[in-house]
Amino acid sequence: MRPYARNSFGRGFIFQQDDDPKHRSKLIQNWFSRRHVTLLFCSSQSPDLNINEGIWAELERRLVGRNTRNADEKFF
């Protein structure tokens, strides 16, 4: 993540993560701190900041009632 972000966005990038306990462990926090990564924290239940929540809701809405045998039939 870090090399890609630095190459793509420069040194001023901000990494967003939620409050999941595995992301908040001292080990992980120390890793980010030692590497001078700026973090943006948001609630894991915050759909206004997490675009994935809206995407999953829309996908579920569109797939209601589809009977398929595999992912290829469902998405194509």
PDB file of N, CA and C in Angstrom:
ATOM      1  N   MET A   1       0.815  -1.182   0.000  1.00  0.00           N
ATOM      2  CA  MET A   1       0.000   0.000   0.000  1.00  0.00           C
ATOM      3  C   MET A   1       0.861   1.249   0.000  1.00  0.00           C
ATOM      4  N   ARG A   2       1.838   1.303   0.837  1.00  0.00           N
ATOM      5  CA  ARG A   2       2.623   2.524   0.994  1.00  0.00           C
ATOM      6  C   ARG A   2       3.399   2.914  -0.268  1.00  0.00           C
ATOM      7  N   PRO A   3       4.128   1.986  -0.898  1.00  0.00           N
ATOM      8  CA  PRO A   3       4.843   2.365  -2.130  1.00  0.00           C
ATOM      9  C   PRO A   3       3.881   2.838  -3.229  1.00  0.00           C
ATOM     10  N   TYR A   4       2.763   2.161  -3.398  1.00  0.00           N
ATOM     11  CA  TYR A   4       1.788   2.570  -4.411  1.00  0.00           C
ATOM     12  C   TYR A   4       1.256   3.967  -4.113  1.00  0.00           C
ATOM     13  N   ALA A   5       0.880   4.218  -2.870  1.00  0.00           N
ATOM     14  CA  ALA A   5       0.329   5.525  -2.493  1.00  0.00           C
ATOM     15  C   ALA A   5       1.354   6.632  -2.699  1.00  0.00           C
ATOM     16  N   ARG A   6       2.574   6.396  -2.284  1.00  0.00           N
ATOM     17  CA  ARG A   6       3.616   7.418  -2.458  1.00  0.00           C
ATOM     18  C   ARG A   6       3.874   7.702  -3.929  1.00  0.00           C
ATOM     19  N   ASN A   7       3.928   6.646  -4.742  1.00  0.00           N
ATOM     20  CA  ASN A   7       4.180   6.829  -6.173  1.00  0.00           C
ATOM     21  C   ASN A   7       3.009   7.508  -6.874  1.00  0.00           C
ATOM     22  N   SER A   8       1.800   7.202  -6.434  1.00  0.00           N
ATOM     23  CA  SER A   8       0.607   7.722  -7.098  1.00  0.00           C
ATOM     24  C   SER A   8       0.168   9.083  -6.592  1.00  0.00           C
ATOM     25  N   PHE A   9       0.310   9.316  -5.282  1.00  0.00           N
ATOM     26  CA  PHE A   9      -0.248  10.517  -4.675  1.00  0.00           C
ATOM     27  C   PHE A   9       0.786  11.419  -4.013  1.00  0.00           C
ATOM     28  N   GLY A  10       2.018  10.970  -3.929  1.00  0.00           N
ATOM     29  CA  GLY A  10       3.058  11.767  -3.291  1.00  0.00           C
ATOM     30  C   GLY A  10       3.092  11.579  -1.781  1.00  0.00           C
ATOM     31  N   ARG A  11       3.930  12.340  -1.128  1.00  0.00           N
ATOM     32  CA  ARG A  11       4.128  12.177   0.308  1.00  0.00           C
ATOM     33  C   ARG A  11       2.945  12.659   1.140  1.00  0.00           C
ATOM     34  N   GLY A  12       2.039  13.433   0.568  1.00  0.00           N
ATOM     35  CA  GLY A  12       0.947  14.011   1.344  1.00  0.00           C
ATOM     36  C   GLY A  12      -0.310  13.172   1.403  1.00  0.00           C
ATOM     37  N   PHE A  13      -0.230  11.898   0.996  1.00  0.00           N
ATOM     38  CA  PHE A  13      -1.448  11.091   1.006  1.00  0.00           C
ATOM     39  C   PHE A  13      -1.903  10.808   2.438  1.00  0.00           C
ATOM     40  N   ILE A  14      -3.211  10.588   2.581  1.00  0.00           N
ATOM     41  CA  ILE A  14      -3.805  10.242   3.876  1.00  0.00           C
ATOM     42  C   ILE A  14      -4.470   8.889   3.715  1.00  0.00           C
ATOM     43  N   PHE A  15      -4.131   7.968   4.603  1.00  0.00           N
ATOM     44  CA  PHE A  15      -4.668   6.615   4.544  1.00  0.00           C
ATOM     45  C   PHE A  15      -5.914   6.541   5.415  1.00  0.00           C
ATOM     46  N   GLN A  16      -7.034   6.117   4.816  1.00  0.00           N
ATOM     47  CA  GLN A  16      -8.288   6.007   5.565  1.00  0.00           C
ATOM     48  C   GLN A  16      -8.490   4.570   6.014  1.00  0.00           C
ATOM     49  N   GLN A  17      -8.846   4.414   7.269  1.00  0.00           N
ATOM     50  CA  GLN A  17      -9.187   3.093   7.791  1.00  0.00           C
ATOM     51  C   GLN A  17     -10.302   3.247   8.809  1.00  0.00           C
ATOM     52  N   ASP A  18     -10.950   2.125   9.107  1.00  0.00           N
ATOM     53  CA  ASP A  18     -12.045   2.182  10.068  1.00  0.00           C
ATOM     54  C   ASP A  18     -11.549   1.771  11.456  1.00  0.00           C
ATOM     55  N   ASP A  19     -12.463   1.652  12.381  1.00  0.00           N
ATOM     56  CA  ASP A  19     -12.108   1.334  13.764  1.00  0.00           C
ATOM     57  C   ASP A  19     -12.052  -0.161  14.041  1.00  0.00           C
ATOM     58  N   ASP A  20     -11.845  -0.970  13.042  1.00  0.00           N
ATOM     59  CA  ASP A  20     -11.733  -2.409  13.247  1.00  0.00           C
ATOM     60  C   ASP A  20     -10.567  -2.665  14.202  1.00  0.00           C
ATOM     61  N   PRO A  21     -10.751  -3.513  15.210  1.00  0.00           N
ATOM     62  CA  PRO A  21      -9.689  -3.741  16.198  1.00  0.00           C
ATOM     63  C   PRO A  21      -8.345  -4.160  15.610  1.00  0.00           C
ATOM     64  N   LYS A  22      -8.358  -4.934  14.535  1.00  0.00           N
ATOM     65  CA  LYS A  22      -7.070  -5.343  13.953  1.00  0.00           C
ATOM     66  C   LYS A  22      -6.331  -4.174  13.326  1.00  0.00           C
ATOM     67  N   HIS A  23      -7.066  -3.132  12.926  1.00  0.00           N
ATOM     68  CA  HIS A  23      -6.418  -1.937  12.377  1.00  0.00           C
ATOM     69  C   HIS A  23      -5.927  -1.002  13.476  1.00  0.00           C
ATOM     70  N   ARG A  24      -6.454  -1.164  14.666  1.00  0.00           N
ATOM     71  CA  ARG A  24      -6.137  -0.263  15.773  1.00  0.00           C
ATOM     72  C   ARG A  24      -5.120  -0.860  16.750  1.00  0.00           C
ATOM     73  N   SER A  25      -4.578  -2.020  16.450  1.00  0.00           N
ATOM     74  CA  SER A  25      -3.620  -2.647  17.365  1.00  0.00           C
ATOM     75  C   SER A  25      -2.366  -1.785  17.497  1.00  0.00           C
ATOM     76  N   LYS A  26      -1.677  -1.918  18.613  1.00  0.00           N
ATOM     77  CA  LYS A  26      -0.447  -1.146  18.840  1.00  0.00           C
ATOM     78  C   LYS A  26       0.606  -1.468  17.783  1.00  0.00           C
ATOM     79  N   LEU A  27       0.686  -2.715  17.385  1.00  0.00           N
ATOM     80  CA  LEU A  27       1.649  -3.125  16.368  1.00  0.00           C
ATOM     81  C   LEU A  27       1.405  -2.358  15.060  1.00  0.00           C
ATOM     82  N   ILE A  28       0.159  -2.314  14.615  1.00  0.00           N
ATOM     83  CA  ILE A  28      -0.175  -1.622  13.374  1.00  0.00           C
ATOM     84  C   ILE A  28       0.010  -0.121  13.525  1.00  0.00           C
ATOM     85  N   GLN A  29      -0.433   0.437  14.643  1.00  0.00           N
ATOM     86  CA  GLN A  29      -0.280   1.873  14.874  1.00  0.00           C
ATOM     87  C   GLN A  29       1.196   2.273  14.881  1.00  0.00           C
ATOM     88  N   ASN A  30       2.037   1.443  15.496  1.00  0.00           N
ATOM     89  CA  ASN A  30       3.477   1.719  15.505  1.00  0.00           C
ATOM     90  C   ASN A  30       4.067   1.654  14.097  1.00  0.00           C
ATOM     91  N   TRP A  31       3.585   0.707  13.298  1.00  0.00           N
ATOM     92  CA  TRP A  31       4.072   0.588  11.916  1.00  0.00           C
ATOM     93  C   TRP A  31       3.786   1.876  11.146  1.00  0.00           C
ATOM     94  N   PHE A  32       2.546   2.353  11.240  1.00  0.00           N
ATOM     95  CA  PHE A  32       2.186   3.589  10.552  1.00  0.00           C
ATOM     96  C   PHE A  32       2.998   4.773  11.089  1.00  0.00           C
ATOM     97  N   SER A  33       3.161   4.820  12.378  1.00  0.00           N
ATOM     98  CA  SER A  33       3.892   5.925  13.000  1.00  0.00           C
ATOM     99  C   SER A  33       5.351   5.960  12.554  1.00  0.00           C
ATOM    100  N   ARG A  34       6.023   4.800  12.583  1.00  0.00           N
ATOM    101  CA  ARG A  34       7.434   4.737  12.168  1.00  0.00           C
ATOM    102  C   ARG A  34       7.622   5.156  10.720  1.00  0.00           C
ATOM    103  N   ARG A  35       6.601   4.942   9.906  1.00  0.00           N
ATOM    104  CA  ARG A  35       6.697   5.278   8.488  1.00  0.00           C
ATOM    105  C   ARG A  35       6.054   6.621   8.150  1.00  0.00           C
ATOM    106  N   HIS A  36       5.645   7.346   9.183  1.00  0.00           N
ATOM    107  CA  HIS A  36       5.082   8.698   9.026  1.00  0.00           C
ATOM    108  C   HIS A  36       3.888   8.721   8.075  1.00  0.00           C
ATOM    109  N   VAL A  37       3.001   7.736   8.235  1.00  0.00           N
ATOM    110  CA  VAL A  37       1.780   7.682   7.432  1.00  0.00           C
ATOM    111  C   VAL A  37       0.684   8.433   8.184  1.00  0.00           C
ATOM    112  N   THR A  38       0.066   9.406   7.531  1.00  0.00           N
ATOM    113  CA  THR A  38      -1.035  10.141   8.125  1.00  0.00           C
ATOM    114  C   THR A  38      -2.302   9.311   7.988  1.00  0.00           C
ATOM    115  N   LEU A  39      -3.023   9.139   9.102  1.00  0.00           N
ATOM    116  CA  LEU A  39      -4.217   8.304   9.110  1.00  0.00           C
ATOM    117  C   LEU A  39      -5.474   9.137   9.270  1.00  0.00           C
ATOM    118  N   LEU A  40      -6.537   8.714   8.590  1.00  0.00           N
ATOM    119  CA  LEU A  40      -7.860   9.291   8.753  1.00  0.00           C
ATOM    120  C   LEU A  40      -8.744   8.181   9.296  1.00  0.00           C
ATOM    121  N   PHE A  41      -9.261   8.359  10.490  1.00  0.00           N
ATOM    122  CA  PHE A  41     -10.106   7.345  11.101  1.00  0.00           C
ATOM    123  C   PHE A  41     -11.563   7.676  10.865  1.00  0.00           C
ATOM    124  N   CYS A  42     -12.352   6.668  10.601  1.00  0.00           N
ATOM    125  CA  CYS A  42     -13.800   6.847  10.514  1.00  0.00           C
ATOM    126  C   CYS A  42     -14.452   5.620  11.114  1.00  0.00           C
ATOM    127  N   SER A  43     -15.661   5.779  11.496  1.00  0.00           N
ATOM    128  CA  SER A  43     -16.410   4.670  12.078  1.00  0.00           C
ATOM    129  C   SER A  43     -16.617   3.590  11.033  1.00  0.00           C
ATOM    130  N   SER A  44     -16.534   2.332  11.452  1.00  0.00           N
ATOM    131  CA  SER A  44     -16.743   1.232  10.516  1.00  0.00           C
ATOM    132  C   SER A  44     -18.188   1.165  10.051  1.00  0.00           C
ATOM    133  N   GLN A  45     -19.086   1.825  10.749  1.00  0.00           N
ATOM    134  CA  GLN A  45     -20.499   1.839  10.387  1.00  0.00           C
ATOM    135  C   GLN A  45     -20.911   3.183   9.792  1.00  0.00           C
ATOM    136  N   SER A  46     -20.006   3.869   9.143  1.00  0.00           N
ATOM    137  CA  SER A  46     -20.281   5.199   8.619  1.00  0.00           C
ATOM    138  C   SER A  46     -20.427   5.163   7.101  1.00  0.00           C
ATOM    139  N   PRO A  47     -21.647   4.929   6.591  1.00  0.00           N
ATOM    140  CA  PRO A  47     -21.811   4.826   5.141  1.00  0.00           C
ATOM    141  C   PRO A  47     -21.535   6.129   4.397  1.00  0.00           C
ATOM    142  N   ASP A  48     -21.619   7.265   5.078  1.00  0.00           N
ATOM    143  CA  ASP A  48     -21.358   8.517   4.391  1.00  0.00           C
ATOM    144  C   ASP A  48     -19.886   8.681   4.035  1.00  0.00           C
ATOM    145  N   LEU A  49     -18.991   8.025   4.752  1.00  0.00           N
ATOM    146  CA  LEU A  49     -17.566   8.105   4.449  1.00  0.00           C
ATOM    147  C   LEU A  49     -17.038   6.868   3.735  1.00  0.00           C
ATOM    148  N   ASN A  50     -17.835   5.816   3.693  1.00  0.00           N
ATOM    149  CA  ASN A  50     -17.395   4.561   3.107  1.00  0.00           C
ATOM    150  C   ASN A  50     -18.230   4.274   1.869  1.00  0.00           C
ATOM    151  N   ILE A  51     -17.672   4.530   0.702  1.00  0.00           N
ATOM    152  CA  ILE A  51     -18.411   4.353  -0.549  1.00  0.00           C
ATOM    153  C   ILE A  51     -18.833   2.904  -0.762  1.00  0.00           C
ATOM    154  N   ASN A  52     -18.105   1.955  -0.202  1.00  0.00           N
ATOM    155  CA  ASN A  52     -18.435   0.547  -0.391  1.00  0.00           C
ATOM    156  C   ASN A  52     -19.810   0.193   0.161  1.00  0.00           C
ATOM    157  N   GLU A  53     -20.228   0.849   1.236  1.00  0.00           N
ATOM    158  CA  GLU A  53     -21.540   0.569   1.813  1.00  0.00           C
ATOM    159  C   GLU A  53     -22.637   0.840   0.780  1.00  0.00           C
ATOM    160  N   GLY A  54     -22.549   1.958   0.108  1.00  0.00           N
ATOM    161  CA  GLY A  54     -23.547   2.300  -0.903  1.00  0.00           C
ATOM    162  C   GLY A  54     -23.489   1.382  -2.108  1.00  0.00           C
ATOM    163  N   ILE A  55     -22.291   0.988  -2.494  1.00  0.00           N
ATOM    164  CA  ILE A  55     -22.124   0.096  -3.643  1.00  0.00           C
ATOM    165  C   ILE A  55     -22.745  -1.259  -3.350  1.00  0.00           C
ATOM    166  N   TRP A  56     -22.471  -1.820  -2.169  1.00  0.00           N
ATOM    167  CA  TRP A  56     -23.042  -3.126  -1.818  1.00  0.00           C
ATOM    168  C   TRP A  56     -24.563  -3.061  -1.743  1.00  0.00           C
ATOM    169  N   ALA A  57     -25.101  -1.982  -1.202  1.00  0.00           N
ATOM    170  CA  ALA A  57     -26.558  -1.830  -1.117  1.00  0.00           C
ATOM    171  C   ALA A  57     -27.169  -1.791  -2.518  1.00  0.00           C
ATOM    172  N   GLU A  58     -26.545  -1.057  -3.431  1.00  0.00           N
ATOM    173  CA  GLU A  58     -27.047  -0.979  -4.806  1.00  0.00           C
ATOM    174  C   GLU A  58     -26.933  -2.323  -5.508  1.00  0.00           C
ATOM    175  N   LEU A  59     -25.835  -3.024  -5.321  1.00  0.00           N
ATOM    176  CA  LEU A  59     -25.657  -4.337  -5.932  1.00  0.00           C
ATOM    177  C   LEU A  59     -26.722  -5.310  -5.436  1.00  0.00           C
ATOM    178  N   GLU A  60     -26.959  -5.326  -4.135  1.00  0.00           N
ATOM    179  CA  GLU A  60     -27.997  -6.208  -3.582  1.00  0.00           C
ATOM    180  C   GLU A  60     -29.365  -5.858  -4.162  1.00  0.00           C
ATOM    181  N   ARG A  61     -29.658  -4.558  -4.290  1.00  0.00           N
ATOM    182  CA  ARG A  61     -30.943  -4.132  -4.838  1.00  0.00           C
ATOM    183  C   ARG A  61     -31.114  -4.626  -6.276  1.00  0.00           C
ATOM    184  N   ARG A  62     -30.078  -4.530  -7.071  1.00  0.00           N
ATOM    185  CA  ARG A  62     -30.159  -4.930  -8.475  1.00  0.00           C
ATOM    186  C   ARG A  62     -30.218  -6.442  -8.677  1.00  0.00           C
ATOM    187  N   LEU A  63     -29.701  -7.203  -7.722  1.00  0.00           N
ATOM    188  CA  LEU A  63     -29.638  -8.656  -7.892  1.00  0.00           C
ATOM    189  C   LEU A  63     -30.788  -9.403  -7.234  1.00  0.00           C
ATOM    190  N   VAL A  64     -31.688  -8.683  -6.596  1.00  0.00           N
ATOM    191  CA  VAL A  64     -32.826  -9.334  -5.943  1.00  0.00           C
ATOM    192  C   VAL A  64     -33.628 -10.117  -6.980  1.00  0.00           C
ATOM    193  N   GLY A  65     -33.915 -11.372  -6.668  1.00  0.00           N
ATOM    194  CA  GLY A  65     -34.747 -12.192  -7.536  1.00  0.00           C
ATOM    195  C   GLY A  65     -34.015 -12.885  -8.663  1.00  0.00           C
ATOM    196  N   ARG A  66     -32.731 -12.654  -8.812  1.00  0.00           N
ATOM    197  CA  ARG A  66     -31.981 -13.341  -9.862  1.00  0.00           C
ATOM    198  C   ARG A  66     -31.583 -14.728  -9.379  1.00  0.00           C
ATOM    199  N   ASN A  67     -31.996 -15.738 -10.119  1.00  0.00           N
ATOM    200  CA  ASN A  67     -31.599 -17.111  -9.805  1.00  0.00           C
ATOM    201  C   ASN A  67     -30.495 -17.516 -10.760  1.00  0.00           C
ATOM    202  N   THR A  68     -29.320 -17.726 -10.218  1.00  0.00           N
ATOM    203  CA  THR A  68     -28.168 -18.071 -11.051  1.00  0.00           C
ATOM    204  C   THR A  68     -27.410 -19.220 -10.408  1.00  0.00           C
ATOM    205  N   ARG A  69     -26.583 -19.864 -11.212  1.00  0.00           N
ATOM    206  CA  ARG A  69     -25.771 -20.974 -10.712  1.00  0.00           C
ATOM    207  C   ARG A  69     -24.356 -20.550 -10.357  1.00  0.00           C
ATOM    208  N   ASN A  70     -23.903 -19.415 -10.927  1.00  0.00           N
ATOM    209  CA  ASN A  70     -22.533 -18.979 -10.669  1.00  0.00           C
ATOM    210  C   ASN A  70     -22.421 -17.466 -10.856  1.00  0.00           C
ATOM    211  N   ALA A  71     -21.265 -16.902 -10.536  1.00  0.00           N
ATOM    212  CA  ALA A  71     -21.058 -15.460 -10.616  1.00  0.00           C
ATOM    213  C   ALA A  71     -21.150 -14.954 -12.046  1.00  0.00           C
ATOM    214  N   ASP A  72     -20.720 -15.749 -13.032  1.00  0.00           N
ATOM    215  CA  ASP A  72     -20.780 -15.313 -14.418  1.00  0.00           C
ATOM    216  C   ASP A  72     -22.223 -15.042 -14.843  1.00  0.00           C
ATOM    217  N   GLU A  73     -23.137 -15.904 -14.445  1.00  0.00           N
ATOM    218  CA  GLU A  73     -24.542 -15.699 -14.791  1.00  0.00           C
ATOM    219  C   GLU A  73     -25.125 -14.496 -14.032  1.00  0.00           C
ATOM    220  N   LYS A  74     -24.670 -14.282 -12.831  1.00  0.00           N
ATOM    221  CA  LYS A  74     -25.235 -13.216 -12.005  1.00  0.00           C
ATOM    222  C   LYS A  74     -24.813 -11.837 -12.495  1.00  0.00           C
ATOM    223  N   PHE A  75     -23.575 -11.693 -12.920  1.00  0.00           N
ATOM    224  CA  PHE A  75     -23.060 -10.376 -13.254  1.00  0.00           C
ATOM    225  C   PHE A  75     -23.035 -10.063 -14.746  1.00  0.00           C
ATOM    226  N   PHE A  76     -23.333 -11.052 -15.597  1.00  0.00           N
ATOM    227  CA  PHE A  76     -23.286 -10.784 -17.038  1.00  0.00           C
ATOM    228  C   PHE A  76     -24.550 -11.228 -17.710  1.00  0.00           C
TER     229      PHE A  76
END
